[in-house]
Amino acid sequence: MDNKVLDYTALTISIIGAVNWGLIGFFDFNLVAFLFGSMTWLSRIVYALVGLCGLYLFTFYARRDRAEA
């Protein structure tokens, strides 16, 4: 089953998370904490979504291997 909307949503959220980590690493600036507060329930939801999307993106490897065969 190919669900492109879920794939692109997960990829977009993961890119947002990667940009946030880049901002933290280069400038010591946490965009999520700036927008939603430091470890509020809303910021924790954002962090959880980024983590779940990152885990979901592992399925790209399996699907790519299946498509090449």
PDB file of N, CA and C in Angstrom:
ATOM      1  N   MET A   1       0.845  -1.179   0.000  1.00  0.00           N
ATOM      2  CA  MET A   1       0.000   0.000   0.000  1.00  0.00           C
ATOM      3  C   MET A   1       0.887   1.239   0.000  1.00  0.00           C
ATOM      4  N   ASP A   2       0.645   2.121  -0.934  1.00  0.00           N
ATOM      5  CA  ASP A   2       1.471   3.308  -1.101  1.00  0.00           C
ATOM      6  C   ASP A   2       0.687   4.527  -0.633  1.00  0.00           C
ATOM      7  N   ASN A   3       1.127   5.142   0.442  1.00  0.00           N
ATOM      8  CA  ASN A   3       0.432   6.297   0.997  1.00  0.00           C
ATOM      9  C   ASN A   3       1.351   7.507   0.920  1.00  0.00           C
ATOM     10  N   LYS A   4       1.297   8.216  -0.198  1.00  0.00           N
ATOM     11  CA  LYS A   4       2.203   9.336  -0.421  1.00  0.00           C
ATOM     12  C   LYS A   4       1.950  10.501   0.516  1.00  0.00           C
ATOM     13  N   VAL A   5       0.724  10.722   0.920  1.00  0.00           N
ATOM     14  CA  VAL A   5       0.425  11.831   1.834  1.00  0.00           C
ATOM     15  C   VAL A   5       1.127  11.607   3.174  1.00  0.00           C
ATOM     16  N   LEU A   6       1.031  10.385   3.689  1.00  0.00           N
ATOM     17  CA  LEU A   6       1.712  10.065   4.948  1.00  0.00           C
ATOM     18  C   LEU A   6       3.221  10.167   4.796  1.00  0.00           C
ATOM     19  N   ASP A   7       3.739   9.690   3.668  1.00  0.00           N
ATOM     20  CA  ASP A   7       5.180   9.764   3.423  1.00  0.00           C
ATOM     21  C   ASP A   7       5.665  11.214   3.402  1.00  0.00           C
ATOM     22  N   TYR A   8       4.985  12.059   2.666  1.00  0.00           N
ATOM     23  CA  TYR A   8       5.414  13.453   2.560  1.00  0.00           C
ATOM     24  C   TYR A   8       5.217  14.211   3.874  1.00  0.00           C
ATOM     25  N   THR A   9       4.171  13.885   4.610  1.00  0.00           N
ATOM     26  CA  THR A   9       3.961  14.509   5.914  1.00  0.00           C
ATOM     27  C   THR A   9       5.079  14.126   6.874  1.00  0.00           C
ATOM     28  N   ALA A  10       5.411  12.844   6.915  1.00  0.00           N
ATOM     29  CA  ALA A  10       6.493  12.377   7.787  1.00  0.00           C
ATOM     30  C   ALA A  10       7.821  13.002   7.386  1.00  0.00           C
ATOM     31  N   LEU A  11       8.070  13.089   6.107  1.00  0.00           N
ATOM     32  CA  LEU A  11       9.312  13.682   5.632  1.00  0.00           C
ATOM     33  C   LEU A  11       9.382  15.170   5.991  1.00  0.00           C
ATOM     34  N   THR A  12       8.296  15.890   5.822  1.00  0.00           N
ATOM     35  CA  THR A  12       8.266  17.318   6.149  1.00  0.00           C
ATOM     36  C   THR A  12       8.502  17.553   7.634  1.00  0.00           C
ATOM     37  N   ILE A  13       7.828  16.790   8.485  1.00  0.00           N
ATOM     38  CA  ILE A  13       8.001  16.946   9.928  1.00  0.00           C
ATOM     39  C   ILE A  13       9.420  16.585  10.338  1.00  0.00           C
ATOM     40  N   SER A  14      10.000  15.560   9.721  1.00  0.00           N
ATOM     41  CA  SER A  14      11.375  15.184  10.036  1.00  0.00           C
ATOM     42  C   SER A  14      12.361  16.264   9.597  1.00  0.00           C
ATOM     43  N   ILE A  15      12.116  16.895   8.472  1.00  0.00           N
ATOM     44  CA  ILE A  15      12.977  17.991   8.021  1.00  0.00           C
ATOM     45  C   ILE A  15      12.890  19.161   8.989  1.00  0.00           C
ATOM     46  N   ILE A  16      11.686  19.460   9.470  1.00  0.00           N
ATOM     47  CA  ILE A  16      11.534  20.524  10.466  1.00  0.00           C
ATOM     48  C   ILE A  16      12.345  20.188  11.716  1.00  0.00           C
ATOM     49  N   GLY A  17      12.288  18.926  12.138  1.00  0.00           N
ATOM     50  CA  GLY A  17      13.082  18.496  13.292  1.00  0.00           C
ATOM     51  C   GLY A  17      14.575  18.621  13.035  1.00  0.00           C
ATOM     52  N   ALA A  18      15.004  18.275  11.822  1.00  0.00           N
ATOM     53  CA  ALA A  18      16.421  18.384  11.483  1.00  0.00           C
ATOM     54  C   ALA A  18      16.876  19.845  11.475  1.00  0.00           C
ATOM     55  N   VAL A  19      16.041  20.723  10.965  1.00  0.00           N
ATOM     56  CA  VAL A  19      16.376  22.153  10.981  1.00  0.00           C
ATOM     57  C   VAL A  19      16.482  22.649  12.424  1.00  0.00           C
ATOM     58  N   ASN A  20      15.575  22.207  13.285  1.00  0.00           N
ATOM     59  CA  ASN A  20      15.636  22.605  14.690  1.00  0.00           C
ATOM     60  C   ASN A  20      16.944  22.135  15.328  1.00  0.00           C
ATOM     61  N   TRP A  21      17.336  20.878  15.048  1.00  0.00           N
ATOM     62  CA  TRP A  21      18.608  20.380  15.591  1.00  0.00           C
ATOM     63  C   TRP A  21      19.785  21.161  15.025  1.00  0.00           C
ATOM     64  N   GLY A  22      19.727  21.550  13.775  1.00  0.00           N
ATOM     65  CA  GLY A  22      20.785  22.378  13.192  1.00  0.00           C
ATOM     66  C   GLY A  22      20.881  23.728  13.876  1.00  0.00           C
ATOM     67  N   LEU A  23      19.737  24.338  14.149  1.00  0.00           N
ATOM     68  CA  LEU A  23      19.734  25.617  14.863  1.00  0.00           C
ATOM     69  C   LEU A  23      20.314  25.472  16.268  1.00  0.00           C
ATOM     70  N   ILE A  24      19.992  24.364  16.931  1.00  0.00           N
ATOM     71  CA  ILE A  24      20.538  24.119  18.267  1.00  0.00           C
ATOM     72  C   ILE A  24      22.055  23.941  18.186  1.00  0.00           C
ATOM     73  N   GLY A  25      22.507  23.156  17.225  1.00  0.00           N
ATOM     74  CA  GLY A  25      23.936  22.872  17.102  1.00  0.00           C
ATOM     75  C   GLY A  25      24.772  24.075  16.700  1.00  0.00           C
ATOM     76  N   PHE A  26      24.283  24.853  15.745  1.00  0.00           N
ATOM     77  CA  PHE A  26      25.063  25.977  15.241  1.00  0.00           C
ATOM     78  C   PHE A  26      24.901  27.253  16.059  1.00  0.00           C
ATOM     79  N   PHE A  27      23.695  27.506  16.545  1.00  0.00           N
ATOM     80  CA  PHE A  27      23.426  28.800  17.173  1.00  0.00           C
ATOM     81  C   PHE A  27      22.910  28.705  18.600  1.00  0.00           C
ATOM     82  N   ASP A  28      22.794  27.495  19.149  1.00  0.00           N
ATOM     83  CA  ASP A  28      22.249  27.283  20.490  1.00  0.00           C
ATOM     84  C   ASP A  28      20.864  27.937  20.617  1.00  0.00           C
ATOM     85  N   PHE A  29      20.052  27.757  19.558  1.00  0.00           N
ATOM     86  CA  PHE A  29      18.705  28.327  19.517  1.00  0.00           C
ATOM     87  C   PHE A  29      17.708  27.210  19.237  1.00  0.00           C
ATOM     88  N   ASN A  30      16.811  26.964  20.180  1.00  0.00           N
ATOM     89  CA  ASN A  30      15.793  25.927  20.041  1.00  0.00           C
ATOM     90  C   ASN A  30      14.500  26.576  19.563  1.00  0.00           C
ATOM     91  N   LEU A  31      14.175  26.368  18.302  1.00  0.00           N
ATOM     92  CA  LEU A  31      12.999  26.991  17.701  1.00  0.00           C
ATOM     93  C   LEU A  31      11.705  26.484  18.324  1.00  0.00           C
ATOM     94  N   VAL A  32      11.637  25.191  18.629  1.00  0.00           N
ATOM     95  CA  VAL A  32      10.424  24.622  19.227  1.00  0.00           C
ATOM     96  C   VAL A  32      10.178  25.241  20.602  1.00  0.00           C
ATOM     97  N   ALA A  33      11.222  25.333  21.410  1.00  0.00           N
ATOM     98  CA  ALA A  33      11.080  25.945  22.733  1.00  0.00           C
ATOM     99  C   ALA A  33      10.733  27.425  22.618  1.00  0.00           C
ATOM    100  N   PHE A  34      11.280  28.090  21.607  1.00  0.00           N
ATOM    101  CA  PHE A  34      10.975  29.507  21.393  1.00  0.00           C
ATOM    102  C   PHE A  34       9.507  29.708  21.034  1.00  0.00           C
ATOM    103  N   LEU A  35       8.970  28.830  20.172  1.00  0.00           N
ATOM    104  CA  LEU A  35       7.589  28.980  19.715  1.00  0.00           C
ATOM    105  C   LEU A  35       6.560  28.480  20.726  1.00  0.00           C
ATOM    106  N   PHE A  36       6.868  27.359  21.404  1.00  0.00           N
ATOM    107  CA  PHE A  36       5.855  26.714  22.240  1.00  0.00           C
ATOM    108  C   PHE A  36       6.188  26.686  23.723  1.00  0.00           C
ATOM    109  N   GLY A  37       7.368  27.144  24.103  1.00  0.00           N
ATOM    110  CA  GLY A  37       7.776  27.106  25.507  1.00  0.00           C
ATOM    111  C   GLY A  37       8.656  25.893  25.761  1.00  0.00           C
ATOM    112  N   SER A  38       9.438  25.993  26.815  1.00  0.00           N
ATOM    113  CA  SER A  38      10.383  24.936  27.131  1.00  0.00           C
ATOM    114  C   SER A  38       9.670  23.775  27.822  1.00  0.00           C
ATOM    115  N   MET A  39       9.565  22.655  27.123  1.00  0.00           N
ATOM    116  CA  MET A  39       8.976  21.412  27.604  1.00  0.00           C
ATOM    117  C   MET A  39       7.529  21.570  28.100  1.00  0.00           C
ATOM    118  N   THR A  40       6.762  22.383  27.393  1.00  0.00           N
ATOM    119  CA  THR A  40       5.325  22.429  27.638  1.00  0.00           C
ATOM    120  C   THR A  40       4.707  21.204  26.975  1.00  0.00           C
ATOM    121  N   TRP A  41       3.440  20.950  27.221  1.00  0.00           N
ATOM    122  CA  TRP A  41       2.793  19.788  26.617  1.00  0.00           C
ATOM    123  C   TRP A  41       2.794  19.902  25.098  1.00  0.00           C
ATOM    124  N   LEU A  42       2.688  21.136  24.580  1.00  0.00           N
ATOM    125  CA  LEU A  42       2.672  21.327  23.132  1.00  0.00           C
ATOM    126  C   LEU A  42       4.045  21.047  22.519  1.00  0.00           C
ATOM    127  N   SER A  43       5.097  21.515  23.167  1.00  0.00           N
ATOM    128  CA  SER A  43       6.435  21.241  22.644  1.00  0.00           C
ATOM    129  C   SER A  43       6.766  19.757  22.740  1.00  0.00           C
ATOM    130  N   ARG A  44       6.291  19.089  23.773  1.00  0.00           N
ATOM    131  CA  ARG A  44       6.528  17.649  23.902  1.00  0.00           C
ATOM    132  C   ARG A  44       5.811  16.887  22.788  1.00  0.00           C
ATOM    133  N   ILE A  45       4.632  17.354  22.387  1.00  0.00           N
ATOM    134  CA  ILE A  45       3.913  16.738  21.265  1.00  0.00           C
ATOM    135  C   ILE A  45       4.713  16.912  19.970  1.00  0.00           C
ATOM    136  N   VAL A  46       5.275  18.105  19.773  1.00  0.00           N
ATOM    137  CA  VAL A  46       6.078  18.348  18.580  1.00  0.00           C
ATOM    138  C   VAL A  46       7.281  17.408  18.557  1.00  0.00           C
ATOM    139  N   TYR A  47       7.990  17.310  19.680  1.00  0.00           N
ATOM    140  CA  TYR A  47       9.149  16.413  19.753  1.00  0.00           C
ATOM    141  C   TYR A  47       8.736  14.961  19.517  1.00  0.00           C
ATOM    142  N   ALA A  48       7.613  14.553  20.074  1.00  0.00           N
ATOM    143  CA  ALA A  48       7.138  13.177  19.892  1.00  0.00           C
ATOM    144  C   ALA A  48       6.785  12.914  18.427  1.00  0.00           C
ATOM    145  N   LEU A  49       6.130  13.872  17.772  1.00  0.00           N
ATOM    146  CA  LEU A  49       5.790  13.707  16.354  1.00  0.00           C
ATOM    147  C   LEU A  49       7.033  13.602  15.490  1.00  0.00           C
ATOM    148  N   VAL A  50       8.041  14.420  15.777  1.00  0.00           N
ATOM    149  CA  VAL A  50       9.289  14.352  15.008  1.00  0.00           C
ATOM    150  C   VAL A  50       9.925  12.978  15.191  1.00  0.00           C
ATOM    151  N   GLY A  51       9.930  12.476  16.419  1.00  0.00           N
ATOM    152  CA  GLY A  51      10.495  11.154  16.675  1.00  0.00           C
ATOM    153  C   GLY A  51       9.733  10.045  15.979  1.00  0.00           C
ATOM    154  N   LEU A  52       8.423  10.093  16.034  1.00  0.00           N
ATOM    155  CA  LEU A  52       7.605   9.081  15.363  1.00  0.00           C
ATOM    156  C   LEU A  52       7.788   9.125  13.849  1.00  0.00           C
ATOM    157  N   CYS A  53       7.865  10.321  13.305  1.00  0.00           N
ATOM    158  CA  CYS A  53       8.069  10.439  11.858  1.00  0.00           C
ATOM    159  C   CYS A  53       9.443   9.910  11.457  1.00  0.00           C
ATOM    160  N   GLY A  54      10.447  10.172  12.285  1.00  0.00           N
ATOM    161  CA  GLY A  54      11.770   9.624  12.012  1.00  0.00           C
ATOM    162  C   GLY A  54      11.757   8.112  12.009  1.00  0.00           C
ATOM    163  N   LEU A  55      11.063   7.515  12.963  1.00  0.00           N
ATOM    164  CA  LEU A  55      10.955   6.059  12.999  1.00  0.00           C
ATOM    165  C   LEU A  55      10.186   5.541  11.783  1.00  0.00           C
ATOM    166  N   TYR A  56       9.132   6.230  11.403  1.00  0.00           N
ATOM    167  CA  TYR A  56       8.346   5.818  10.236  1.00  0.00           C
ATOM    168  C   TYR A  56       9.204   5.845   8.965  1.00  0.00           C
ATOM    169  N   LEU A  57      10.114   6.789   8.883  1.00  0.00           N
ATOM    170  CA  LEU A  57      10.931   6.909   7.675  1.00  0.00           C
ATOM    171  C   LEU A  57      11.875   5.721   7.491  1.00  0.00           C
ATOM    172  N   PHE A  58      12.100   4.933   8.527  1.00  0.00           N
ATOM    173  CA  PHE A  58      12.869   3.702   8.359  1.00  0.00           C
ATOM    174  C   PHE A  58      12.193   2.764   7.370  1.00  0.00           C
ATOM    175  N   THR A  59      10.878   2.869   7.213  1.00  0.00           N
ATOM    176  CA  THR A  59      10.178   1.999   6.273  1.00  0.00           C
ATOM    177  C   THR A  59      10.552   2.313   4.829  1.00  0.00           C
ATOM    178  N   PHE A  60      11.128   3.481   4.569  1.00  0.00           N
ATOM    179  CA  PHE A  60      11.577   3.799   3.216  1.00  0.00           C
ATOM    180  C   PHE A  60      12.608   2.787   2.737  1.00  0.00           C
ATOM    181  N   TYR A  61      13.493   2.343   3.632  1.00  0.00           N
ATOM    182  CA  TYR A  61      14.519   1.369   3.253  1.00  0.00           C
ATOM    183  C   TYR A  61      13.887   0.072   2.780  1.00  0.00           C
ATOM    184  N   ALA A  62      12.916  -0.421   3.506  1.00  0.00           N
ATOM    185  CA  ALA A  62      12.253  -1.670   3.144  1.00  0.00           C
ATOM    186  C   ALA A  62      11.503  -1.514   1.819  1.00  0.00           C
ATOM    187  N   ARG A  63      10.830  -0.390   1.662  1.00  0.00           N
ATOM    188  CA  ARG A  63      10.075  -0.183   0.419  1.00  0.00           C
ATOM    189  C   ARG A  63      11.000  -0.011  -0.772  1.00  0.00           C
ATOM    190  N   ARG A  64      12.138   0.613  -0.558  1.00  0.00           N
ATOM    191  CA  ARG A  64      13.093   0.805  -1.664  1.00  0.00           C
ATOM    192  C   ARG A  64      13.670  -0.532  -2.095  1.00  0.00           C
ATOM    193  N   ASP A  65      14.021  -1.366  -1.105  1.00  0.00           N
ATOM    194  CA  ASP A  65      14.547  -2.690  -1.425  1.00  0.00           C
ATOM    195  C   ASP A  65      13.519  -3.518  -2.183  1.00  0.00           C
ATOM    196  N   ARG A  66      12.250  -3.423  -1.785  1.00  0.00           N
ATOM    197  CA  ARG A  66      11.180  -4.165  -2.443  1.00  0.00           C
ATOM    198  C   ARG A  66      10.957  -3.659  -3.867  1.00  0.00           C
ATOM    199  N   ALA A  67      11.103  -2.354  -4.076  1.00  0.00           N
ATOM    200  CA  ALA A  67      10.888  -1.771  -5.402  1.00  0.00           C
ATOM    201  C   ALA A  67      12.018  -2.140  -6.374  1.00  0.00           C
ATOM    202  N   GLU A  68      13.224  -2.329  -5.831  1.00  0.00           N
ATOM    203  CA  GLU A  68      14.360  -2.675  -6.696  1.00  0.00           C
ATOM    204  C   GLU A  68      14.328  -4.126  -7.126  1.00  0.00           C
ATOM    205  N   ALA A  69      13.663  -4.966  -6.353  1.00  0.00           N
ATOM    206  CA  ALA A  69      13.653  -6.409  -6.679  1.00  0.00           C
ATOM    207  C   ALA A  69      12.706  -6.736  -7.790  1.00  0.00           C
TER     208      ALA A  69
END
